[in-house]
Amino acid sequence: TVFFQAIENQLKICGFKRNVDVLVLHLAGQGLRTIPSLSRFYRLRYLWINNNKIQDLTFLMKNYCLTELYLNNNELTDISGALKHLHALQILLLHNNQLQNLDKTLKELEGIISLETLNLFHNPLALDADYRLYVIYCLPSVQLLDRKAVTQKEREAALHLYNPERSHLVQSVAFGKRVKTPLGTTLGSSNSTQPAKRLMMPSGIYNNGEKSMKLVPFENPEDAILLRAMTRSVMEFSSVDWNKVGTCQERQLEGKVEEPLKKLTIQFR
């Protein structure tokens, strides 16, 4: 058949004598509709099968070592159950196919945390509203999507669109960020009659001032921010003007009694 002839040609060209030695296979543009299992090439890492007429990917079930997979320009309509086991995959090109369901496609790929380059353009699923931001949100490891680098601004926009609560917390609870309203102080100016901001602790059981059960999440994210501000560890910085400290030789020659060093110390949360 065409497939086996293509395999034999590849083995001869590359000089492979054992299946275990096969790390690369070029089967592009062979007019292939189906491919038998490639399990005998279990160390296969790079596979080009683009520009064929392939409609299913069951032949990849045992190729766990694949890092680059070129499936573009085929007739794929669904990849469910075919790729999620490829945990080492870094490059996946699926453009110019007939993939319909964006959710099912991303569900298949979401566990591949090593995936950095992905092409899905020229598929019906790419016509979905906010398609690019949704892919960025669901697949945070992807750095290059549809031949375009993913920017930090796009990541923030995707998080804000699909998880606004988390986006709010990420923007509010950041290292070193000051809370505008300290716990137990009055909001606004000193003349304001607005009551002081009070921290609403989550419900639970306390024993001697300590929780005896897991805390229930705060209903108001601002309460979590206030609690973090009040429980933040104290940081201390000290500074000494070393220009005023004499060397060992200077102290011996002058024979003066040294004055205590002036040390400036600052503490803050």
C-alpha atoms as a PDB file:
ATOM      1  CA  THR A   1       0.000   0.000   0.000  1.00  0.00           C
ATOM      2  CA  VAL A   2       0.946   3.657  -0.239  1.00  0.00           C
ATOM      3  CA  PHE A   3       1.530   3.915   3.509  1.00  0.00           C
ATOM      4  CA  PHE A   4       3.907   0.978   3.823  1.00  0.00           C
ATOM      5  CA  GLN A   5       5.783   2.062   0.725  1.00  0.00           C
ATOM      6  CA  ALA A   6       6.199   5.533   2.218  1.00  0.00           C
ATOM      7  CA  ILE A   7       7.452   4.024   5.484  1.00  0.00           C
ATOM      8  CA  GLU A   8       9.977   1.836   3.709  1.00  0.00           C
ATOM      9  CA  ASN A   9      11.237   4.785   1.696  1.00  0.00           C
ATOM     10  CA  GLN A  10      11.696   6.807   4.874  1.00  0.00           C
ATOM     11  CA  LEU A  11      13.611   4.038   6.610  1.00  0.00           C
ATOM     12  CA  LYS A  12      15.931   3.676   3.625  1.00  0.00           C
ATOM     13  CA  ILE A  13      16.523   7.408   3.265  1.00  0.00           C
ATOM     14  CA  CYS A  14      17.319   7.856   6.958  1.00  0.00           C
ATOM     15  CA  GLY A  15      19.255   4.615   7.235  1.00  0.00           C
ATOM     16  CA  PHE A  16      17.146   3.247  10.089  1.00  0.00           C
ATOM     17  CA  LYS A  17      17.503  -0.494  10.634  1.00  0.00           C
ATOM     18  CA  ARG A  18      15.550  -0.847  13.876  1.00  0.00           C
ATOM     19  CA  ASN A  19      12.153   0.546  14.787  1.00  0.00           C
ATOM     20  CA  VAL A  20      13.548   1.855  18.065  1.00  0.00           C
ATOM     21  CA  ASP A  21      15.914   4.121  16.124  1.00  0.00           C
ATOM     22  CA  VAL A  22      13.109   5.943  14.328  1.00  0.00           C
ATOM     23  CA  LEU A  23      12.699   9.396  15.864  1.00  0.00           C
ATOM     24  CA  VAL A  24      11.488  11.243  12.759  1.00  0.00           C
ATOM     25  CA  LEU A  25       8.926  10.343  10.089  1.00  0.00           C
ATOM     26  CA  HIS A  26       8.035  12.414   7.025  1.00  0.00           C
ATOM     27  CA  LEU A  27       4.759  11.186   5.533  1.00  0.00           C
ATOM     28  CA  ALA A  28       3.464  14.488   4.179  1.00  0.00           C
ATOM     29  CA  GLY A  29       1.723  14.748   0.830  1.00  0.00           C
ATOM     30  CA  GLN A  30       1.271  11.014   0.276  1.00  0.00           C
ATOM     31  CA  GLY A  31      -2.490  11.116  -0.308  1.00  0.00           C
ATOM     32  CA  LEU A  32      -3.041   8.974   2.804  1.00  0.00           C
ATOM     33  CA  ARG A  33      -6.596   8.515   4.088  1.00  0.00           C
ATOM     34  CA  THR A  34      -5.846   6.068   6.893  1.00  0.00           C
ATOM     35  CA  ILE A  35      -2.675   5.122   8.732  1.00  0.00           C
ATOM     36  CA  PRO A  36      -2.080   1.869  10.636  1.00  0.00           C
ATOM     37  CA  SER A  37      -0.821   2.080  14.202  1.00  0.00           C
ATOM     38  CA  LEU A  38       2.626   3.628  14.595  1.00  0.00           C
ATOM     39  CA  SER A  39       3.161   1.891  17.933  1.00  0.00           C
ATOM     40  CA  ARG A  40       6.271   0.087  16.688  1.00  0.00           C
ATOM     41  CA  PHE A  41       7.971   3.483  16.511  1.00  0.00           C
ATOM     42  CA  TYR A  42       7.430   4.102  20.205  1.00  0.00           C
ATOM     43  CA  ARG A  43      10.341   6.564  20.451  1.00  0.00           C
ATOM     44  CA  LEU A  44       9.008   8.706  17.615  1.00  0.00           C
ATOM     45  CA  ARG A  45       9.367  12.415  18.413  1.00  0.00           C
ATOM     46  CA  TYR A  46       8.748  14.298  15.166  1.00  0.00           C
ATOM     47  CA  LEU A  47       5.934  13.392  12.781  1.00  0.00           C
ATOM     48  CA  TRP A  48       4.911  15.130   9.564  1.00  0.00           C
ATOM     49  CA  ILE A  49       1.636  13.801   8.149  1.00  0.00           C
ATOM     50  CA  ASN A  50       0.319  17.075   6.797  1.00  0.00           C
ATOM     51  CA  ASN A  51      -1.216  17.497   3.347  1.00  0.00           C
ATOM     52  CA  ASN A  52      -3.006  14.157   3.328  1.00  0.00           C
ATOM     53  CA  LYS A  53      -6.675  13.166   3.650  1.00  0.00           C
ATOM     54  CA  ILE A  54      -6.609  11.793   7.197  1.00  0.00           C
ATOM     55  CA  GLN A  55      -9.876  11.789   9.143  1.00  0.00           C
ATOM     56  CA  ASP A  56      -8.925  10.048  12.409  1.00  0.00           C
ATOM     57  CA  LEU A  57      -5.856   9.833  14.642  1.00  0.00           C
ATOM     58  CA  THR A  58      -6.213   6.449  16.321  1.00  0.00           C
ATOM     59  CA  PHE A  59      -2.810   5.432  14.957  1.00  0.00           C
ATOM     60  CA  LEU A  60      -1.115   7.716  17.531  1.00  0.00           C
ATOM     61  CA  MET A  61      -2.355   5.986  20.687  1.00  0.00           C
ATOM     62  CA  LYS A  62       1.069   4.556  21.624  1.00  0.00           C
ATOM     63  CA  ASN A  63       3.382   7.368  20.548  1.00  0.00           C
ATOM     64  CA  TYR A  64       3.844   9.007  23.936  1.00  0.00           C
ATOM     65  CA  CYS A  65       7.189  10.626  23.079  1.00  0.00           C
ATOM     66  CA  LEU A  66       5.929  12.925  20.331  1.00  0.00           C
ATOM     67  CA  THR A  67       7.076  16.521  20.759  1.00  0.00           C
ATOM     68  CA  GLU A  68       6.178  17.895  17.319  1.00  0.00           C
ATOM     69  CA  LEU A  69       3.100  16.871  15.354  1.00  0.00           C
ATOM     70  CA  TYR A  70       2.154  18.343  11.989  1.00  0.00           C
ATOM     71  CA  LEU A  71      -1.459  17.528  11.091  1.00  0.00           C
ATOM     72  CA  ASN A  72      -2.347  20.550   9.005  1.00  0.00           C
ATOM     73  CA  ASN A  73      -4.127  20.284   5.656  1.00  0.00           C
ATOM     74  CA  ASN A  74      -6.078  17.105   6.339  1.00  0.00           C
ATOM     75  CA  GLU A  75      -9.778  16.276   6.781  1.00  0.00           C
ATOM     76  CA  LEU A  76     -10.015  16.045  10.571  1.00  0.00           C
ATOM     77  CA  THR A  77     -13.386  16.916  12.090  1.00  0.00           C
ATOM     78  CA  ASP A  78     -12.732  15.836  15.689  1.00  0.00           C
ATOM     79  CA  ILE A  79      -9.637  15.031  17.785  1.00  0.00           C
ATOM     80  CA  SER A  80     -11.409  13.851  20.951  1.00  0.00           C
ATOM     81  CA  GLY A  81      -9.531  11.036  22.690  1.00  0.00           C
ATOM     82  CA  ALA A  82      -6.638  11.119  20.234  1.00  0.00           C
ATOM     83  CA  LEU A  83      -4.047  13.537  21.628  1.00  0.00           C
ATOM     84  CA  LYS A  84      -4.511  14.039  25.379  1.00  0.00           C
ATOM     85  CA  HIS A  85      -1.947  11.329  26.197  1.00  0.00           C
ATOM     86  CA  LEU A  86       0.831  13.200  24.357  1.00  0.00           C
ATOM     87  CA  HIS A  87       2.153  14.968  27.450  1.00  0.00           C
ATOM     88  CA  ALA A  88       5.498  15.868  25.827  1.00  0.00           C
ATOM     89  CA  LEU A  89       3.919  17.631  22.854  1.00  0.00           C
ATOM     90  CA  GLN A  90       5.297  21.124  22.249  1.00  0.00           C
ATOM     91  CA  ILE A  91       4.256  21.926  18.673  1.00  0.00           C
ATOM     92  CA  LEU A  92       0.862  21.026  17.209  1.00  0.00           C
ATOM     93  CA  LEU A  93      -0.322  22.270  13.831  1.00  0.00           C
ATOM     94  CA  LEU A  94      -3.983  21.609  13.048  1.00  0.00           C
ATOM     95  CA  HIS A  95      -4.799  24.425  10.651  1.00  0.00           C
ATOM     96  CA  ASN A  96      -6.695  23.800   7.422  1.00  0.00           C
ATOM     97  CA  ASN A  97      -8.862  20.980   8.747  1.00  0.00           C
ATOM     98  CA  GLN A  98     -12.590  20.717   9.488  1.00  0.00           C
ATOM     99  CA  LEU A  99     -12.584  20.912  13.289  1.00  0.00           C
ATOM    100  CA  GLN A 100     -16.029  22.042  14.413  1.00  0.00           C
ATOM    101  CA  ASN A 101     -16.267  22.082  18.205  1.00  0.00           C
ATOM    102  CA  LEU A 102     -13.940  24.483  20.002  1.00  0.00           C
ATOM    103  CA  ASP A 103     -14.803  23.276  23.518  1.00  0.00           C
ATOM    104  CA  LYS A 104     -14.149  19.621  22.680  1.00  0.00           C
ATOM    105  CA  THR A 105     -10.895  20.487  20.938  1.00  0.00           C
ATOM    106  CA  LEU A 106      -9.570  22.524  23.862  1.00  0.00           C
ATOM    107  CA  LYS A 107     -10.730  19.885  26.337  1.00  0.00           C
ATOM    108  CA  GLU A 108      -8.523  17.401  24.517  1.00  0.00           C
ATOM    109  CA  LEU A 109      -5.507  19.702  24.708  1.00  0.00           C
ATOM    110  CA  GLU A 110      -5.853  21.309  28.143  1.00  0.00           C
ATOM    111  CA  GLY A 111      -3.812  18.613  29.902  1.00  0.00           C
ATOM    112  CA  ILE A 112      -0.796  19.045  27.613  1.00  0.00           C
ATOM    113  CA  ILE A 113       1.011  21.617  29.728  1.00  0.00           C
ATOM    114  CA  SER A 114       4.136  21.509  27.546  1.00  0.00           C
ATOM    115  CA  LEU A 115       2.258  22.756  24.467  1.00  0.00           C
ATOM    116  CA  GLU A 116       3.767  26.050  23.311  1.00  0.00           C
ATOM    117  CA  THR A 117       2.929  26.364  19.611  1.00  0.00           C
ATOM    118  CA  LEU A 118      -0.589  25.749  18.290  1.00  0.00           C
ATOM    119  CA  ASN A 119      -2.292  26.422  14.969  1.00  0.00           C
ATOM    120  CA  LEU A 120      -6.073  26.155  14.662  1.00  0.00           C
ATOM    121  CA  PHE A 121      -6.831  28.754  12.027  1.00  0.00           C
ATOM    122  CA  HIS A 122      -8.811  27.866   8.891  1.00  0.00           C
ATOM    123  CA  ASN A 123     -11.083  25.556  10.880  1.00  0.00           C
ATOM    124  CA  PRO A 124     -14.794  26.226  11.448  1.00  0.00           C
ATOM    125  CA  LEU A 125     -14.147  26.511  15.203  1.00  0.00           C
ATOM    126  CA  ALA A 126     -11.932  29.547  14.588  1.00  0.00           C
ATOM    127  CA  LEU A 127     -15.060  31.484  13.612  1.00  0.00           C
ATOM    128  CA  ASP A 128     -16.404  31.403  17.190  1.00  0.00           C
ATOM    129  CA  ALA A 129     -16.735  34.749  18.948  1.00  0.00           C
ATOM    130  CA  ASP A 130     -13.623  35.656  20.966  1.00  0.00           C
ATOM    131  CA  TYR A 131     -12.014  32.461  19.699  1.00  0.00           C
ATOM    132  CA  ARG A 132      -8.440  33.617  20.275  1.00  0.00           C
ATOM    133  CA  LEU A 133      -9.006  34.861  23.830  1.00  0.00           C
ATOM    134  CA  TYR A 134     -10.839  31.662  24.732  1.00  0.00           C
ATOM    135  CA  VAL A 135      -7.952  29.507  23.506  1.00  0.00           C
ATOM    136  CA  ILE A 136      -5.481  31.660  25.443  1.00  0.00           C
ATOM    137  CA  TYR A 137      -7.569  31.301  28.606  1.00  0.00           C
ATOM    138  CA  CYS A 138      -7.997  27.524  28.297  1.00  0.00           C
ATOM    139  CA  LEU A 139      -4.405  26.787  27.227  1.00  0.00           C
ATOM    140  CA  PRO A 140      -2.149  29.102  29.270  1.00  0.00           C
ATOM    141  CA  SER A 141       1.038  27.289  28.218  1.00  0.00           C
ATOM    142  CA  VAL A 142       0.649  28.295  24.555  1.00  0.00           C
ATOM    143  CA  GLN A 143       3.124  31.006  23.570  1.00  0.00           C
ATOM    144  CA  LEU A 144       2.499  31.103  19.817  1.00  0.00           C
ATOM    145  CA  LEU A 145      -1.090  30.814  18.585  1.00  0.00           C
ATOM    146  CA  ASP A 146      -1.932  30.827  14.883  1.00  0.00           C
ATOM    147  CA  ARG A 147       1.550  32.131  14.027  1.00  0.00           C
ATOM    148  CA  LYS A 148       1.136  35.102  16.365  1.00  0.00           C
ATOM    149  CA  ALA A 149       2.807  35.488  19.755  1.00  0.00           C
ATOM    150  CA  VAL A 150       0.485  35.584  22.757  1.00  0.00           C
ATOM    151  CA  THR A 151       0.914  38.860  24.639  1.00  0.00           C
ATOM    152  CA  GLN A 152       0.505  39.587  28.337  1.00  0.00           C
ATOM    153  CA  LYS A 153      -2.251  42.029  27.451  1.00  0.00           C
ATOM    154  CA  GLU A 154      -4.164  39.232  25.721  1.00  0.00           C
ATOM    155  CA  ARG A 155      -3.748  36.962  28.755  1.00  0.00           C
ATOM    156  CA  GLU A 156      -5.131  39.665  31.031  1.00  0.00           C
ATOM    157  CA  ALA A 157      -8.035  40.317  28.660  1.00  0.00           C
ATOM    158  CA  ALA A 158      -8.829  36.593  28.481  1.00  0.00           C
ATOM    159  CA  LEU A 159      -8.801  36.267  32.265  1.00  0.00           C
ATOM    160  CA  HIS A 160     -11.007  39.331  32.654  1.00  0.00           C
ATOM    161  CA  LEU A 161     -13.475  38.016  30.074  1.00  0.00           C
ATOM    162  CA  TYR A 162     -13.789  34.408  31.240  1.00  0.00           C
ATOM    163  CA  ASN A 163     -12.977  34.682  34.952  1.00  0.00           C
ATOM    164  CA  PRO A 164     -13.696  38.261  36.100  1.00  0.00           C
ATOM    165  CA  GLU A 165     -13.622  37.410  39.821  1.00  0.00           C
ATOM    166  CA  ARG A 166     -10.143  35.942  39.617  1.00  0.00           C
ATOM    167  CA  SER A 167      -9.047  38.832  37.429  1.00  0.00           C
ATOM    168  CA  HIS A 168     -10.206  41.272  40.126  1.00  0.00           C
ATOM    169  CA  LEU A 169      -8.281  39.427  42.826  1.00  0.00           C
ATOM    170  CA  VAL A 170      -5.141  39.170  40.713  1.00  0.00           C
ATOM    171  CA  GLN A 171      -5.220  42.919  40.157  1.00  0.00           C
ATOM    172  CA  SER A 172      -5.970  43.699  43.816  1.00  0.00           C
ATOM    173  CA  VAL A 173      -3.939  41.173  45.793  1.00  0.00           C
ATOM    174  CA  ALA A 174      -0.421  41.665  44.507  1.00  0.00           C
ATOM    175  CA  PHE A 175       2.903  41.509  46.300  1.00  0.00           C
ATOM    176  CA  GLY A 176       3.666  44.823  47.940  1.00  0.00           C
ATOM    177  CA  LYS A 177       0.311  46.379  47.007  1.00  0.00           C
ATOM    178  CA  ARG A 178      -1.079  48.688  49.659  1.00  0.00           C
ATOM    179  CA  VAL A 179      -4.697  48.517  50.709  1.00  0.00           C
ATOM    180  CA  LYS A 180      -6.289  51.927  50.455  1.00  0.00           C
ATOM    181  CA  THR A 181      -8.430  51.459  53.561  1.00  0.00           C
ATOM    182  CA  PRO A 182      -6.616  50.166  56.671  1.00  0.00           C
ATOM    183  CA  LEU A 183      -8.553  47.876  58.946  1.00  0.00           C
ATOM    184  CA  GLY A 184     -10.585  49.722  61.582  1.00  0.00           C
ATOM    185  CA  THR A 185     -10.157  53.209  60.106  1.00  0.00           C
ATOM    186  CA  THR A 186     -12.761  55.575  58.778  1.00  0.00           C
ATOM    187  CA  LEU A 187     -13.194  55.811  55.037  1.00  0.00           C
ATOM    188  CA  GLY A 188     -12.656  59.148  53.350  1.00  0.00           C
ATOM    189  CA  SER A 189     -11.577  62.361  55.083  1.00  0.00           C
ATOM    190  CA  SER A 190     -11.366  62.936  58.817  1.00  0.00           C
ATOM    191  CA  ASN A 191     -14.642  64.867  58.662  1.00  0.00           C
ATOM    192  CA  SER A 192     -16.500  62.003  57.038  1.00  0.00           C
ATOM    193  CA  THR A 193     -19.348  60.438  58.947  1.00  0.00           C
ATOM    194  CA  GLN A 194     -19.133  57.183  56.987  1.00  0.00           C
ATOM    195  CA  PRO A 195     -18.711  54.203  59.357  1.00  0.00           C
ATOM    196  CA  ALA A 196     -15.364  52.464  59.574  1.00  0.00           C
ATOM    197  CA  LYS A 197     -14.615  49.573  57.254  1.00  0.00           C
ATOM    198  CA  ARG A 198     -15.097  46.330  59.162  1.00  0.00           C
ATOM    199  CA  LEU A 199     -13.611  43.011  58.170  1.00  0.00           C
ATOM    200  CA  MET A 200     -16.253  40.305  57.776  1.00  0.00           C
ATOM    201  CA  MET A 201     -14.484  37.077  58.703  1.00  0.00           C
ATOM    202  CA  PRO A 202     -15.781  33.846  57.151  1.00  0.00           C
ATOM    203  CA  SER A 203     -17.922  31.665  59.345  1.00  0.00           C
ATOM    204  CA  GLY A 204     -16.370  28.802  61.295  1.00  0.00           C
ATOM    205  CA  ILE A 205     -15.467  27.526  64.749  1.00  0.00           C
ATOM    206  CA  TYR A 206     -12.686  29.117  66.799  1.00  0.00           C
ATOM    207  CA  ASN A 207     -10.806  27.517  69.674  1.00  0.00           C
ATOM    208  CA  ASN A 208      -8.633  29.909  71.701  1.00  0.00           C
ATOM    209  CA  GLY A 209      -8.632  32.352  68.851  1.00  0.00           C
ATOM    210  CA  GLU A 210      -7.612  29.785  66.253  1.00  0.00           C
ATOM    211  CA  LYS A 211      -9.620  28.107  63.565  1.00  0.00           C
ATOM    212  CA  SER A 212     -10.455  24.474  64.183  1.00  0.00           C
ATOM    213  CA  MET A 213     -11.886  23.943  60.716  1.00  0.00           C
ATOM    214  CA  LYS A 214     -11.155  25.043  57.190  1.00  0.00           C
ATOM    215  CA  LEU A 215     -12.128  28.645  56.494  1.00  0.00           C
ATOM    216  CA  VAL A 216     -15.086  29.320  54.257  1.00  0.00           C
ATOM    217  CA  PRO A 217     -14.016  31.662  51.413  1.00  0.00           C
ATOM    218  CA  PHE A 218     -14.742  35.362  51.878  1.00  0.00           C
ATOM    219  CA  GLU A 219     -17.952  36.539  50.292  1.00  0.00           C
ATOM    220  CA  ASN A 220     -16.414  39.936  49.601  1.00  0.00           C
ATOM    221  CA  PRO A 221     -12.970  39.869  47.916  1.00  0.00           C
ATOM    222  CA  GLU A 222     -12.077  43.184  49.582  1.00  0.00           C
ATOM    223  CA  ASP A 223     -12.267  41.474  52.978  1.00  0.00           C
ATOM    224  CA  ALA A 224      -9.600  39.022  51.849  1.00  0.00           C
ATOM    225  CA  ILE A 225      -7.439  41.953  50.772  1.00  0.00           C
ATOM    226  CA  LEU A 226      -7.803  43.651  54.155  1.00  0.00           C
ATOM    227  CA  LEU A 227      -6.975  40.465  56.029  1.00  0.00           C
ATOM    228  CA  ARG A 228      -3.872  39.944  53.958  1.00  0.00           C
ATOM    229  CA  ALA A 229      -2.759  43.517  54.636  1.00  0.00           C
ATOM    230  CA  MET A 230      -3.091  43.058  58.401  1.00  0.00           C
ATOM    231  CA  THR A 231      -1.404  39.657  58.537  1.00  0.00           C
ATOM    232  CA  ARG A 232       1.462  40.484  56.214  1.00  0.00           C
ATOM    233  CA  SER A 233       4.878  39.845  57.755  1.00  0.00           C
ATOM    234  CA  VAL A 234       6.803  42.838  59.069  1.00  0.00           C
ATOM    235  CA  MET A 235       9.819  43.734  56.931  1.00  0.00           C
ATOM    236  CA  GLU A 236      12.802  45.602  58.343  1.00  0.00           C
ATOM    237  CA  PHE A 237      15.576  47.447  56.537  1.00  0.00           C
ATOM    238  CA  SER A 238      18.643  48.902  58.255  1.00  0.00           C
ATOM    239  CA  SER A 239      21.224  51.271  56.811  1.00  0.00           C
ATOM    240  CA  VAL A 240      24.644  52.385  58.089  1.00  0.00           C
ATOM    241  CA  ASP A 241      26.946  55.042  56.613  1.00  0.00           C
ATOM    242  CA  TRP A 242      30.064  52.931  56.207  1.00  0.00           C
ATOM    243  CA  ASN A 243      32.071  55.958  55.047  1.00  0.00           C
ATOM    244  CA  LYS A 244      32.207  57.067  58.674  1.00  0.00           C
ATOM    245  CA  VAL A 245      33.616  53.749  59.866  1.00  0.00           C
ATOM    246  CA  GLY A 246      37.398  53.756  60.038  1.00  0.00           C
ATOM    247  CA  THR A 247      39.528  50.892  58.857  1.00  0.00           C
ATOM    248  CA  CYS A 248      41.459  48.736  61.309  1.00  0.00           C
ATOM    249  CA  GLN A 249      44.697  50.572  60.466  1.00  0.00           C
ATOM    250  CA  GLU A 250      43.105  54.001  60.940  1.00  0.00           C
ATOM    251  CA  ARG A 251      41.749  53.027  64.333  1.00  0.00           C
ATOM    252  CA  GLN A 252      45.192  51.857  65.493  1.00  0.00           C
ATOM    253  CA  LEU A 253      46.976  55.013  64.308  1.00  0.00           C
ATOM    254  CA  GLU A 254      44.490  57.524  65.658  1.00  0.00           C
ATOM    255  CA  GLY A 255      43.891  55.764  68.956  1.00  0.00           C
ATOM    256  CA  LYS A 256      40.499  57.391  69.304  1.00  0.00           C
ATOM    257  CA  VAL A 257      37.510  55.945  71.016  1.00  0.00           C
ATOM    258  CA  GLU A 258      34.964  55.132  68.352  1.00  0.00           C
ATOM    259  CA  GLU A 259      31.579  56.703  68.542  1.00  0.00           C
ATOM    260  CA  PRO A 260      28.586  54.376  68.322  1.00  0.00           C
ATOM    261  CA  LEU A 261      27.442  53.845  64.768  1.00  0.00           C
ATOM    262  CA  LYS A 262      24.266  55.556  63.704  1.00  0.00           C
ATOM    263  CA  LYS A 263      21.947  53.003  62.200  1.00  0.00           C
ATOM    264  CA  LEU A 264      18.722  53.887  60.440  1.00  0.00           C
ATOM    265  CA  THR A 265      16.071  51.166  60.680  1.00  0.00           C
ATOM    266  CA  ILE A 266      12.716  51.157  58.901  1.00  0.00           C
ATOM    267  CA  GLN A 267       9.928  48.688  59.541  1.00  0.00           C
ATOM    268  CA  PHE A 268       6.802  48.287  57.435  1.00  0.00           C
ATOM    269  CA  ARG A 269       4.262  45.716  56.341  1.00  0.00           C
END
